[in-house]
Amino acid sequence: MTQSDAPTRYVQAGTFSIATCVVVGALLLEAFAQAHSSAFLLGLVVVVPVALLLSTLTIEFDDERVRWYFTGKLFPGSLAYAEIASCTAVKRIPLGFGYRVGFNRRAWIVSGRNMVSIIQASSGMEYVVGTDRAQTVCAELERRRAAFALRP
């Protein structure tokens, strides 16, 4: 592995998501104080760990694959460079779509409205991954794909 192929990471902090969880947690704590109901406390016990576990989204490049995952490598996804047809920077997606913590079979987002769309060559499946540096991530992915294709 050359220095230019050293692992590279881009981490997106879920600032909006964390702030939302803090507000919801504060409201639940206040509701618990007012009503003395354990249901509100249980809600708080759920909100805080979720905020911590989904507080960042990392896109990581190594010499063979691009990977993405939430804090602690939770809900990972990855594709080998040979499997990727294209990468496109997507900006200004519809308001409300990106301002959430979410993941499903093809989308990982923590905060913001910028992301990359990675198309898998064999299936045409689109993977959407949130990042604050969409242009940079796509450029890095394309550079690594080209270098991988030149290997013997």
C-alpha atoms as a PDB file:
ATOM      1  CA  MET A   1       0.000   0.000   0.000  1.00  0.00           C
ATOM      2  CA  THR A   2       1.411   3.376  -0.975  1.00  0.00           C
ATOM      3  CA  GLN A   3       0.953   6.447   1.142  1.00  0.00           C
ATOM      4  CA  SER A   4      -1.612   7.770  -1.347  1.00  0.00           C
ATOM      5  CA  ASP A   5      -3.631   4.583  -0.791  1.00  0.00           C
ATOM      6  CA  ALA A   6      -3.523   4.871   2.994  1.00  0.00           C
ATOM      7  CA  PRO A   7      -6.945   4.606   4.649  1.00  0.00           C
ATOM      8  CA  THR A   8      -8.866   7.869   4.496  1.00  0.00           C
ATOM      9  CA  ARG A   9     -11.902   8.855   6.574  1.00  0.00           C
ATOM     10  CA  TYR A  10     -14.522  11.539   6.283  1.00  0.00           C
ATOM     11  CA  VAL A  11     -16.663  11.955   9.399  1.00  0.00           C
ATOM     12  CA  GLN A  12     -19.951  13.827   9.412  1.00  0.00           C
ATOM     13  CA  ALA A  13     -21.163  14.973  12.813  1.00  0.00           C
ATOM     14  CA  GLY A  14     -24.905  14.765  13.262  1.00  0.00           C
ATOM     15  CA  THR A  15     -25.165  18.165  14.924  1.00  0.00           C
ATOM     16  CA  PHE A  16     -28.831  18.697  14.055  1.00  0.00           C
ATOM     17  CA  SER A  17     -29.713  15.149  15.069  1.00  0.00           C
ATOM     18  CA  ILE A  18     -27.873  15.421  18.377  1.00  0.00           C
ATOM     19  CA  ALA A  19     -29.480  18.788  19.115  1.00  0.00           C
ATOM     20  CA  THR A  20     -32.914  17.315  18.390  1.00  0.00           C
ATOM     21  CA  CYS A  21     -32.238  14.393  20.733  1.00  0.00           C
ATOM     22  CA  VAL A  22     -31.055  16.786  23.453  1.00  0.00           C
ATOM     23  CA  VAL A  23     -34.245  18.851  23.139  1.00  0.00           C
ATOM     24  CA  VAL A  24     -36.434  15.731  23.156  1.00  0.00           C
ATOM     25  CA  GLY A  25     -34.464  14.405  26.148  1.00  0.00           C
ATOM     26  CA  ALA A  26     -34.922  17.678  28.033  1.00  0.00           C
ATOM     27  CA  LEU A  27     -38.649  17.649  27.295  1.00  0.00           C
ATOM     28  CA  LEU A  28     -38.939  14.043  28.478  1.00  0.00           C
ATOM     29  CA  LEU A  29     -37.005  14.854  31.655  1.00  0.00           C
ATOM     30  CA  GLU A  30     -39.266  17.827  32.353  1.00  0.00           C
ATOM     31  CA  ALA A  31     -42.359  15.698  31.676  1.00  0.00           C
ATOM     32  CA  PHE A  32     -41.007  13.078  34.096  1.00  0.00           C
ATOM     33  CA  ALA A  33     -40.462  15.752  36.747  1.00  0.00           C
ATOM     34  CA  GLN A  34     -44.021  17.036  36.287  1.00  0.00           C
ATOM     35  CA  ALA A  35     -45.907  13.737  35.971  1.00  0.00           C
ATOM     36  CA  HIS A  36     -43.609  11.373  37.880  1.00  0.00           C
ATOM     37  CA  SER A  37     -44.327   8.735  35.242  1.00  0.00           C
ATOM     38  CA  SER A  38     -41.697   6.132  34.499  1.00  0.00           C
ATOM     39  CA  ALA A  39     -42.754   6.154  30.831  1.00  0.00           C
ATOM     40  CA  PHE A  40     -41.069   9.536  30.387  1.00  0.00           C
ATOM     41  CA  LEU A  41     -37.914   8.292  32.086  1.00  0.00           C
ATOM     42  CA  LEU A  42     -37.914   5.219  29.839  1.00  0.00           C
ATOM     43  CA  GLY A  43     -38.147   7.547  26.831  1.00  0.00           C
ATOM     44  CA  LEU A  44     -35.090   9.408  28.085  1.00  0.00           C
ATOM     45  CA  VAL A  45     -33.198   6.139  28.547  1.00  0.00           C
ATOM     46  CA  VAL A  46     -33.889   5.379  24.875  1.00  0.00           C
ATOM     47  CA  VAL A  47     -33.175   8.850  23.420  1.00  0.00           C
ATOM     48  CA  VAL A  48     -29.721   9.398  24.967  1.00  0.00           C
ATOM     49  CA  PRO A  49     -28.084   6.156  23.732  1.00  0.00           C
ATOM     50  CA  VAL A  50     -29.610   6.614  20.281  1.00  0.00           C
ATOM     51  CA  ALA A  51     -28.193  10.139  20.130  1.00  0.00           C
ATOM     52  CA  LEU A  52     -24.749   8.854  21.074  1.00  0.00           C
ATOM     53  CA  LEU A  53     -24.739   5.824  18.760  1.00  0.00           C
ATOM     54  CA  LEU A  54     -25.974   7.729  15.734  1.00  0.00           C
ATOM     55  CA  SER A  55     -24.023  10.923  16.382  1.00  0.00           C
ATOM     56  CA  THR A  56     -21.549  10.503  13.517  1.00  0.00           C
ATOM     57  CA  LEU A  57     -21.478   8.949  10.085  1.00  0.00           C
ATOM     58  CA  THR A  58     -18.094   7.904   8.716  1.00  0.00           C
ATOM     59  CA  ILE A  59     -17.113   7.192   5.116  1.00  0.00           C
ATOM     60  CA  GLU A  60     -13.840   5.281   5.012  1.00  0.00           C
ATOM     61  CA  PHE A  61     -11.635   4.308   2.084  1.00  0.00           C
ATOM     62  CA  ASP A  62      -9.064   1.525   2.215  1.00  0.00           C
ATOM     63  CA  ASP A  63      -7.114  -0.127  -0.595  1.00  0.00           C
ATOM     64  CA  GLU A  64     -10.056  -2.294  -1.782  1.00  0.00           C
ATOM     65  CA  ARG A  65     -13.364  -0.897  -0.501  1.00  0.00           C
ATOM     66  CA  VAL A  66     -15.357   2.127   0.507  1.00  0.00           C
ATOM     67  CA  ARG A  67     -17.193   1.639   3.807  1.00  0.00           C
ATOM     68  CA  TRP A  68     -19.697   3.709   5.723  1.00  0.00           C
ATOM     69  CA  TYR A  69     -21.044   3.344   9.227  1.00  0.00           C
ATOM     70  CA  PHE A  70     -22.458   5.162  12.239  1.00  0.00           C
ATOM     71  CA  THR A  71     -20.568   5.653  15.519  1.00  0.00           C
ATOM     72  CA  GLY A  72     -18.934   2.427  16.689  1.00  0.00           C
ATOM     73  CA  LYS A  73     -19.267   0.863  13.203  1.00  0.00           C
ATOM     74  CA  LEU A  74     -23.007   0.508  13.750  1.00  0.00           C
ATOM     75  CA  PHE A  75     -25.159  -0.381  10.704  1.00  0.00           C
ATOM     76  CA  PRO A  76     -22.237  -0.706   8.281  1.00  0.00           C
ATOM     77  CA  GLY A  77     -22.341  -0.719   4.518  1.00  0.00           C
ATOM     78  CA  SER A  78     -19.567  -1.194   1.986  1.00  0.00           C
ATOM     79  CA  LEU A  79     -18.769  -1.792  -1.659  1.00  0.00           C
ATOM     80  CA  ALA A  80     -15.594  -2.971  -3.343  1.00  0.00           C
ATOM     81  CA  TYR A  81     -14.230  -0.488  -5.872  1.00  0.00           C
ATOM     82  CA  ALA A  82     -14.724  -3.068  -8.636  1.00  0.00           C
ATOM     83  CA  GLU A  83     -18.463  -3.160  -7.805  1.00  0.00           C
ATOM     84  CA  ILE A  84     -19.041   0.592  -8.220  1.00  0.00           C
ATOM     85  CA  ALA A  85     -20.412   2.079 -11.435  1.00  0.00           C
ATOM     86  CA  SER A  86     -20.459   5.730 -10.351  1.00  0.00           C
ATOM     87  CA  CYS A  87     -20.438   8.255  -7.535  1.00  0.00           C
ATOM     88  CA  THR A  88     -22.370  11.508  -7.713  1.00  0.00           C
ATOM     89  CA  ALA A  89     -22.418  14.389  -5.233  1.00  0.00           C
ATOM     90  CA  VAL A  90     -26.021  15.249  -4.363  1.00  0.00           C
ATOM     91  CA  LYS A  91     -26.691  18.677  -2.893  1.00  0.00           C
ATOM     92  CA  ARG A  92     -29.726  20.392  -1.556  1.00  0.00           C
ATOM     93  CA  ILE A  93     -32.023  17.431  -1.336  1.00  0.00           C
ATOM     94  CA  PRO A  94     -35.612  18.260  -0.355  1.00  0.00           C
ATOM     95  CA  LEU A  95     -35.868  20.082   2.959  1.00  0.00           C
ATOM     96  CA  GLY A  96     -36.639  17.714   5.775  1.00  0.00           C
ATOM     97  CA  PHE A  97     -35.191  14.608   4.119  1.00  0.00           C
ATOM     98  CA  GLY A  98     -31.636  15.078   5.330  1.00  0.00           C
ATOM     99  CA  TYR A  99     -32.384  16.594   8.708  1.00  0.00           C
ATOM    100  CA  ARG A 100     -32.822  13.306  10.487  1.00  0.00           C
ATOM    101  CA  VAL A 101     -31.006  10.279  11.681  1.00  0.00           C
ATOM    102  CA  GLY A 102     -31.838   7.442   9.420  1.00  0.00           C
ATOM    103  CA  PHE A 103     -30.748   4.366   7.632  1.00  0.00           C
ATOM    104  CA  ASN A 104     -32.378   1.681   5.613  1.00  0.00           C
ATOM    105  CA  ARG A 105     -31.202  -0.774   3.019  1.00  0.00           C
ATOM    106  CA  ARG A 106     -29.722   1.979   0.893  1.00  0.00           C
ATOM    107  CA  ALA A 107     -29.497   5.269   2.819  1.00  0.00           C
ATOM    108  CA  TRP A 108     -27.373   6.406   5.764  1.00  0.00           C
ATOM    109  CA  ILE A 109     -27.849  10.027   6.892  1.00  0.00           C
ATOM    110  CA  VAL A 110     -27.163  11.825  10.163  1.00  0.00           C
ATOM    111  CA  SER A 111     -27.575  15.497   9.415  1.00  0.00           C
ATOM    112  CA  GLY A 112     -27.559  17.968   6.613  1.00  0.00           C
ATOM    113  CA  ARG A 113     -28.654  18.018   3.019  1.00  0.00           C
ATOM    114  CA  ASN A 114     -25.496  16.910   1.206  1.00  0.00           C
ATOM    115  CA  MET A 115     -24.699  13.331   0.302  1.00  0.00           C
ATOM    116  CA  VAL A 116     -23.165  11.024  -2.246  1.00  0.00           C
ATOM    117  CA  SER A 117     -25.042   8.615  -4.450  1.00  0.00           C
ATOM    118  CA  ILE A 118     -23.020   5.462  -5.164  1.00  0.00           C
ATOM    119  CA  ILE A 119     -24.363   3.120  -7.850  1.00  0.00           C
ATOM    120  CA  GLN A 120     -23.536  -0.573  -7.661  1.00  0.00           C
ATOM    121  CA  ALA A 121     -22.583  -1.824 -11.141  1.00  0.00           C
ATOM    122  CA  SER A 122     -24.043  -5.349 -10.997  1.00  0.00           C
ATOM    123  CA  SER A 123     -27.485  -4.491  -9.601  1.00  0.00           C
ATOM    124  CA  GLY A 124     -27.953  -0.782 -10.302  1.00  0.00           C
ATOM    125  CA  MET A 125     -28.703  -0.358  -6.580  1.00  0.00           C
ATOM    126  CA  GLU A 126     -28.195   3.202  -5.367  1.00  0.00           C
ATOM    127  CA  TYR A 127     -26.611   3.785  -1.963  1.00  0.00           C
ATOM    128  CA  VAL A 128     -27.076   7.265  -0.515  1.00  0.00           C
ATOM    129  CA  VAL A 129     -24.611   8.295   2.191  1.00  0.00           C
ATOM    130  CA  GLY A 130     -24.626  11.653   3.947  1.00  0.00           C
ATOM    131  CA  THR A 131     -21.453  13.730   4.078  1.00  0.00           C
ATOM    132  CA  ASP A 132     -20.459  17.354   4.508  1.00  0.00           C
ATOM    133  CA  ARG A 133     -17.826  16.881   1.796  1.00  0.00           C
ATOM    134  CA  ALA A 134     -19.718  15.273  -1.083  1.00  0.00           C
ATOM    135  CA  GLN A 135     -17.467  16.545  -3.899  1.00  0.00           C
ATOM    136  CA  THR A 136     -14.313  15.496  -2.041  1.00  0.00           C
ATOM    137  CA  VAL A 137     -15.710  12.039  -1.218  1.00  0.00           C
ATOM    138  CA  CYS A 138     -16.684  11.395  -4.847  1.00  0.00           C
ATOM    139  CA  ALA A 139     -13.285  12.591  -6.076  1.00  0.00           C
ATOM    140  CA  GLU A 140     -11.536  10.276  -3.595  1.00  0.00           C
ATOM    141  CA  LEU A 141     -13.760   7.380  -4.607  1.00  0.00           C
ATOM    142  CA  GLU A 142     -13.108   7.929  -8.313  1.00  0.00           C
ATOM    143  CA  ARG A 143      -9.356   8.224  -7.694  1.00  0.00           C
ATOM    144  CA  ARG A 144      -9.321   4.975  -5.744  1.00  0.00           C
ATOM    145  CA  ARG A 145     -11.487   3.198  -8.328  1.00  0.00           C
ATOM    146  CA  ALA A 146      -9.054   4.222 -11.080  1.00  0.00           C
ATOM    147  CA  ALA A 147      -6.022   3.095  -9.052  1.00  0.00           C
ATOM    148  CA  PHE A 148      -7.737  -0.207  -8.238  1.00  0.00           C
ATOM    149  CA  ALA A 149      -8.528  -0.813 -11.930  1.00  0.00           C
ATOM    150  CA  LEU A 150      -4.823  -0.404 -12.842  1.00  0.00           C
ATOM    151  CA  ARG A 151      -3.688  -3.144 -10.453  1.00  0.00           C
ATOM    152  CA  PRO A 152      -2.244  -6.290 -12.034  1.00  0.00           C
END
